[in-house]
Amino acid sequence: MYTIDIKSEMLPKLDAGKKLADALRKAKTQHKVIKILHGYGSTGEGGSIKSLTHQSLRNKVKKQEIQAFIPGEAIVRPLGFDEIISTYKHLISNDIDFKKDNYGITYVIL
């Protein structure tokens, strides 16, 4: 599994979005799953980069540029991703963060 870390660099929202788009484009030809480390935000209410990441991924699903995405917290909470998790669980279940209720990551199925 390939990991994209957009959290550690503490980039402004726009730069983080560009980094995410570039990384997804490059990784798509080589990987089936990408784990995005976006963080949860310092306020404890979900950060702007997490929101940007999820909105971008929703658009990519609609445009059929990716198969699906699974927020880390959706693995252990009923958030409407059950069918997607069931379909792609075999691709992410070996990850160290799987089932850790991690609000700061998102899995992308390419």
N, C-alpha and C. Protein backbone atom coordinates (compact mmCIF):
# COMPACT_ATOMS: atom_id res chain seq x y z
N MET A 1 0.84 -1.17 0.00
CA MET A 1 0.00 0.00 0.00
C MET A 1 0.89 1.24 0.00
N TYR A 2 0.59 2.16 -0.87
CA TYR A 2 1.33 3.40 -1.00
C TYR A 2 0.72 4.44 -0.05
N THR A 3 1.55 5.23 0.61
CA THR A 3 1.08 6.23 1.55
C THR A 3 1.46 7.62 1.07
N ILE A 4 0.49 8.52 1.10
CA ILE A 4 0.71 9.93 0.79
C ILE A 4 0.53 10.70 2.09
N ASP A 5 1.56 11.41 2.50
CA ASP A 5 1.51 12.17 3.74
C ASP A 5 1.38 13.65 3.43
N ILE A 6 0.17 14.17 3.52
CA ILE A 6 -0.03 15.60 3.31
C ILE A 6 -0.18 16.33 4.65
N LYS A 7 -0.09 15.57 5.74
CA LYS A 7 -0.23 16.14 7.08
C LYS A 7 1.08 16.72 7.59
N SER A 8 2.15 15.98 7.47
CA SER A 8 3.42 16.33 8.10
C SER A 8 4.02 17.65 7.63
N GLU A 9 3.78 18.00 6.39
CA GLU A 9 4.37 19.22 5.84
C GLU A 9 3.64 20.48 6.28
N MET A 10 2.46 20.32 6.90
CA MET A 10 1.68 21.46 7.38
C MET A 10 1.45 22.48 6.25
N LEU A 11 1.10 21.99 5.09
CA LEU A 11 0.89 22.84 3.93
C LEU A 11 -0.40 23.63 4.04
N PRO A 12 -0.44 24.80 3.42
CA PRO A 12 -1.72 25.50 3.31
C PRO A 12 -2.70 24.64 2.52
N LYS A 13 -3.98 24.87 2.71
CA LYS A 13 -5.03 24.04 2.12
C LYS A 13 -4.86 23.88 0.60
N LEU A 14 -4.62 24.96 -0.10
CA LEU A 14 -4.48 24.89 -1.55
C LEU A 14 -3.29 24.05 -1.98
N ASP A 15 -2.17 24.23 -1.31
CA ASP A 15 -0.97 23.45 -1.63
C ASP A 15 -1.18 21.97 -1.31
N ALA A 16 -1.89 21.69 -0.23
CA ALA A 16 -2.18 20.30 0.13
C ALA A 16 -3.05 19.65 -0.94
N GLY A 17 -4.01 20.40 -1.46
CA GLY A 17 -4.86 19.88 -2.53
C GLY A 17 -4.07 19.56 -3.79
N LYS A 18 -3.13 20.42 -4.13
CA LYS A 18 -2.28 20.18 -5.30
C LYS A 18 -1.40 18.96 -5.09
N LYS A 19 -0.84 18.84 -3.89
CA LYS A 19 0.01 17.68 -3.60
C LYS A 19 -0.79 16.39 -3.69
N LEU A 20 -2.01 16.41 -3.16
CA LEU A 20 -2.88 15.23 -3.23
C LEU A 20 -3.18 14.87 -4.68
N ALA A 21 -3.57 15.83 -5.48
CA ALA A 21 -3.91 15.56 -6.89
C ALA A 21 -2.71 15.00 -7.64
N ASP A 22 -1.54 15.59 -7.44
CA ASP A 22 -0.33 15.11 -8.11
C ASP A 22 0.02 13.68 -7.69
N ALA A 23 -0.05 13.44 -6.39
CA ALA A 23 0.29 12.11 -5.86
C ALA A 23 -0.67 11.04 -6.37
N LEU A 24 -1.96 11.36 -6.41
CA LEU A 24 -2.95 10.39 -6.91
C LEU A 24 -2.70 10.09 -8.38
N ARG A 25 -2.42 11.11 -9.14
CA ARG A 25 -2.17 10.92 -10.58
C ARG A 25 -0.95 10.02 -10.80
N LYS A 26 0.11 10.25 -10.05
CA LYS A 26 1.34 9.45 -10.21
C LYS A 26 1.17 8.02 -9.71
N ALA A 27 0.46 7.85 -8.61
CA ALA A 27 0.34 6.54 -7.99
C ALA A 27 -0.64 5.62 -8.72
N LYS A 28 -1.55 6.20 -9.46
CA LYS A 28 -2.62 5.41 -10.07
C LYS A 28 -2.12 4.29 -10.97
N THR A 29 -1.02 4.49 -11.62
CA THR A 29 -0.52 3.47 -12.55
C THR A 29 0.25 2.35 -11.83
N GLN A 30 0.59 2.56 -10.56
CA GLN A 30 1.44 1.60 -9.87
C GLN A 30 0.80 0.93 -8.66
N HIS A 31 -0.32 1.44 -8.19
CA HIS A 31 -0.89 0.94 -6.94
C HIS A 31 -2.39 0.74 -7.05
N LYS A 32 -2.91 -0.16 -6.22
CA LYS A 32 -4.36 -0.39 -6.14
C LYS A 32 -5.00 0.40 -5.02
N VAL A 33 -4.20 0.63 -3.97
CA VAL A 33 -4.71 1.34 -2.79
C VAL A 33 -3.68 2.36 -2.34
N ILE A 34 -4.19 3.51 -1.95
CA ILE A 34 -3.35 4.56 -1.39
C ILE A 34 -3.93 4.93 -0.03
N LYS A 35 -3.06 5.10 0.93
CA LYS A 35 -3.49 5.61 2.24
C LYS A 35 -3.04 7.05 2.33
N ILE A 36 -3.99 7.93 2.55
CA ILE A 36 -3.69 9.35 2.68
C ILE A 36 -3.65 9.71 4.16
N LEU A 37 -2.55 10.30 4.58
CA LEU A 37 -2.42 10.82 5.93
C LEU A 37 -2.70 12.32 5.85
N HIS A 38 -3.92 12.71 6.25
CA HIS A 38 -4.31 14.11 6.14
C HIS A 38 -4.46 14.77 7.49
N GLY A 39 -4.47 14.00 8.54
CA GLY A 39 -4.68 14.56 9.86
C GLY A 39 -6.15 14.85 10.11
N TYR A 40 -6.43 15.21 11.35
CA TYR A 40 -7.81 15.48 11.75
C TYR A 40 -8.06 16.94 12.04
N GLY A 41 -7.03 17.71 12.17
CA GLY A 41 -7.20 19.13 12.47
C GLY A 41 -6.93 19.41 13.93
N SER A 42 -6.35 20.54 14.18
CA SER A 42 -5.95 20.89 15.55
C SER A 42 -7.12 21.31 16.42
N THR A 43 -8.27 21.60 15.84
CA THR A 43 -9.41 22.03 16.64
C THR A 43 -10.18 20.85 17.22
N GLY A 44 -9.91 19.64 16.73
CA GLY A 44 -10.65 18.48 17.20
C GLY A 44 -12.00 18.32 16.53
N GLU A 45 -12.27 19.13 15.52
CA GLU A 45 -13.55 19.07 14.81
C GLU A 45 -13.40 18.66 13.36
N GLY A 46 -12.24 18.22 12.99
CA GLY A 46 -11.99 17.87 11.59
C GLY A 46 -11.44 19.08 10.87
N GLY A 47 -10.28 18.92 10.28
CA GLY A 47 -9.60 20.04 9.67
C GLY A 47 -10.00 20.32 8.24
N SER A 48 -9.53 21.46 7.75
CA SER A 48 -9.86 21.87 6.40
C SER A 48 -9.21 20.96 5.36
N ILE A 49 -8.03 20.42 5.67
CA ILE A 49 -7.37 19.53 4.70
C ILE A 49 -8.11 18.20 4.61
N LYS A 50 -8.61 17.71 5.73
CA LYS A 50 -9.42 16.49 5.69
C LYS A 50 -10.68 16.73 4.86
N SER A 51 -11.35 17.83 5.08
CA SER A 51 -12.56 18.16 4.31
C SER A 51 -12.24 18.30 2.83
N LEU A 52 -11.15 18.99 2.52
CA LEU A 52 -10.73 19.14 1.13
C LEU A 52 -10.45 17.78 0.50
N THR A 53 -9.76 16.93 1.24
CA THR A 53 -9.43 15.59 0.74
C THR A 53 -10.69 14.81 0.41
N HIS A 54 -11.64 14.78 1.33
CA HIS A 54 -12.87 14.01 1.11
C HIS A 54 -13.70 14.59 -0.04
N GLN A 55 -13.78 15.91 -0.13
CA GLN A 55 -14.52 16.53 -1.24
C GLN A 55 -13.86 16.20 -2.57
N SER A 56 -12.55 16.28 -2.62
CA SER A 56 -11.82 15.95 -3.84
C SER A 56 -12.06 14.50 -4.24
N LEU A 57 -12.03 13.61 -3.25
CA LEU A 57 -12.23 12.18 -3.55
C LEU A 57 -13.67 11.90 -3.98
N ARG A 58 -14.65 12.59 -3.39
CA ARG A 58 -16.05 12.43 -3.86
C ARG A 58 -16.15 12.81 -5.34
N ASN A 59 -15.50 13.91 -5.72
CA ASN A 59 -15.52 14.34 -7.12
C ASN A 59 -14.84 13.33 -8.03
N LYS A 60 -13.75 12.75 -7.55
CA LYS A 60 -13.03 11.75 -8.36
C LYS A 60 -13.85 10.47 -8.53
N VAL A 61 -14.63 10.10 -7.52
CA VAL A 61 -15.52 8.95 -7.65
C VAL A 61 -16.59 9.25 -8.70
N LYS A 62 -17.19 10.43 -8.63
CA LYS A 62 -18.23 10.82 -9.60
C LYS A 62 -17.69 10.83 -11.02
N LYS A 63 -16.45 11.28 -11.19
CA LYS A 63 -15.83 11.33 -12.52
C LYS A 63 -15.22 9.99 -12.92
N GLN A 64 -15.34 9.00 -12.05
CA GLN A 64 -14.80 7.66 -12.26
C GLN A 64 -13.28 7.66 -12.43
N GLU A 65 -12.63 8.57 -11.73
CA GLU A 65 -11.17 8.62 -11.73
C GLU A 65 -10.59 7.70 -10.66
N ILE A 66 -11.38 7.38 -9.65
CA ILE A 66 -11.03 6.39 -8.63
C ILE A 66 -12.25 5.51 -8.42
N GLN A 67 -12.03 4.32 -7.85
CA GLN A 67 -13.13 3.40 -7.58
C GLN A 67 -13.95 3.84 -6.37
N ALA A 68 -13.22 4.17 -5.29
CA ALA A 68 -13.88 4.49 -4.03
C ALA A 68 -12.88 5.07 -3.05
N PHE A 69 -13.41 5.57 -1.93
CA PHE A 69 -12.54 5.95 -0.82
C PHE A 69 -13.24 5.58 0.48
N ILE A 70 -12.43 5.36 1.51
CA ILE A 70 -12.94 4.93 2.82
C ILE A 70 -12.26 5.76 3.90
N PRO A 71 -13.00 6.63 4.57
CA PRO A 71 -12.41 7.36 5.70
C PRO A 71 -12.02 6.38 6.80
N GLY A 72 -10.91 6.65 7.48
CA GLY A 72 -10.42 5.76 8.52
C GLY A 72 -11.45 5.47 9.60
N GLU A 73 -12.23 6.48 9.98
CA GLU A 73 -13.22 6.28 11.04
C GLU A 73 -14.41 5.45 10.58
N ALA A 74 -14.61 5.32 9.27
CA ALA A 74 -15.75 4.54 8.75
C ALA A 74 -15.56 3.04 8.93
N ILE A 75 -14.34 2.62 9.22
CA ILE A 75 -14.07 1.19 9.41
C ILE A 75 -14.80 0.66 10.64
N VAL A 76 -14.91 1.48 11.68
CA VAL A 76 -15.51 1.01 12.93
C VAL A 76 -16.83 1.73 13.28
N ARG A 77 -17.23 2.69 12.47
CA ARG A 77 -18.47 3.43 12.72
C ARG A 77 -19.39 3.33 11.51
N PRO A 78 -20.68 3.25 11.72
CA PRO A 78 -21.61 3.18 10.59
C PRO A 78 -21.77 4.55 9.92
N LEU A 79 -21.01 4.79 8.88
CA LEU A 79 -21.04 6.09 8.20
C LEU A 79 -21.47 5.98 6.73
N GLY A 80 -22.03 4.84 6.37
CA GLY A 80 -22.50 4.66 5.01
C GLY A 80 -21.49 4.08 4.04
N PHE A 81 -20.39 3.57 4.55
CA PHE A 81 -19.34 3.00 3.71
C PHE A 81 -19.29 1.48 3.82
N ASP A 82 -20.28 0.87 4.44
CA ASP A 82 -20.25 -0.57 4.72
C ASP A 82 -20.06 -1.42 3.47
N GLU A 83 -20.78 -1.12 2.41
CA GLU A 83 -20.67 -1.90 1.18
C GLU A 83 -19.29 -1.74 0.55
N ILE A 84 -18.78 -0.53 0.56
CA ILE A 84 -17.45 -0.27 0.01
C ILE A 84 -16.39 -1.01 0.83
N ILE A 85 -16.51 -0.93 2.15
CA ILE A 85 -15.56 -1.64 3.02
C ILE A 85 -15.61 -3.13 2.77
N SER A 86 -16.80 -3.67 2.66
CA SER A 86 -16.96 -5.10 2.41
C SER A 86 -16.31 -5.51 1.08
N THR A 87 -16.49 -4.68 0.08
CA THR A 87 -15.94 -4.97 -1.24
C THR A 87 -14.42 -4.92 -1.27
N TYR A 88 -13.83 -3.96 -0.57
CA TYR A 88 -12.39 -3.72 -0.68
C TYR A 88 -11.60 -4.06 0.58
N LYS A 89 -12.24 -4.68 1.56
CA LYS A 89 -11.58 -5.01 2.82
C LYS A 89 -10.30 -5.81 2.61
N HIS A 90 -10.31 -6.71 1.65
CA HIS A 90 -9.14 -7.55 1.40
C HIS A 90 -7.91 -6.72 0.99
N LEU A 91 -8.11 -5.51 0.52
CA LEU A 91 -7.00 -4.66 0.10
C LEU A 91 -6.43 -3.81 1.24
N ILE A 92 -7.21 -3.63 2.31
CA ILE A 92 -6.76 -2.72 3.37
C ILE A 92 -6.64 -3.37 4.75
N SER A 93 -7.15 -4.56 4.91
CA SER A 93 -7.21 -5.17 6.25
C SER A 93 -5.85 -5.47 6.86
N ASN A 94 -4.80 -5.54 6.07
CA ASN A 94 -3.46 -5.79 6.62
C ASN A 94 -2.74 -4.51 7.04
N ASP A 95 -3.35 -3.37 6.79
CA ASP A 95 -2.72 -2.11 7.15
C ASP A 95 -2.72 -1.91 8.66
N ILE A 96 -1.66 -1.33 9.17
CA ILE A 96 -1.50 -1.13 10.61
C ILE A 96 -2.60 -0.23 11.20
N ASP A 97 -3.16 0.67 10.39
CA ASP A 97 -4.20 1.58 10.88
C ASP A 97 -5.62 1.05 10.71
N PHE A 98 -5.76 -0.10 10.08
CA PHE A 98 -7.09 -0.68 9.88
C PHE A 98 -7.72 -0.97 11.24
N LYS A 99 -8.95 -0.59 11.41
CA LYS A 99 -9.75 -0.78 12.64
C LYS A 99 -9.23 0.01 13.83
N LYS A 100 -8.50 1.09 13.61
CA LYS A 100 -8.03 1.91 14.72
C LYS A 100 -8.88 3.15 14.92
N ASP A 101 -9.98 3.28 14.18
CA ASP A 101 -10.86 4.45 14.33
C ASP A 101 -10.07 5.74 14.13
N ASN A 102 -9.28 5.77 13.06
CA ASN A 102 -8.36 6.87 12.82
C ASN A 102 -9.01 7.92 11.91
N TYR A 103 -9.37 9.05 12.49
CA TYR A 103 -9.99 10.13 11.75
C TYR A 103 -9.01 10.87 10.84
N GLY A 104 -7.73 10.60 10.98
CA GLY A 104 -6.70 11.32 10.24
C GLY A 104 -6.20 10.64 9.00
N ILE A 105 -6.86 9.53 8.59
CA ILE A 105 -6.44 8.83 7.37
C ILE A 105 -7.64 8.55 6.49
N THR A 106 -7.37 8.32 5.23
CA THR A 106 -8.39 7.88 4.28
C THR A 106 -7.74 6.92 3.30
N TYR A 107 -8.42 5.82 3.02
CA TYR A 107 -7.97 4.86 2.02
C TYR A 107 -8.61 5.21 0.68
N VAL A 108 -7.84 5.14 -0.38
CA VAL A 108 -8.35 5.40 -1.72
C VAL A 108 -8.14 4.14 -2.54
N ILE A 109 -9.21 3.67 -3.15
CA ILE A 109 -9.16 2.50 -4.03
C ILE A 109 -9.10 3.02 -5.46
N LEU A 110 -8.01 2.69 -6.14
CA LEU A 110 -7.81 3.23 -7.50
C LEU A 110 -8.40 2.38 -8.59
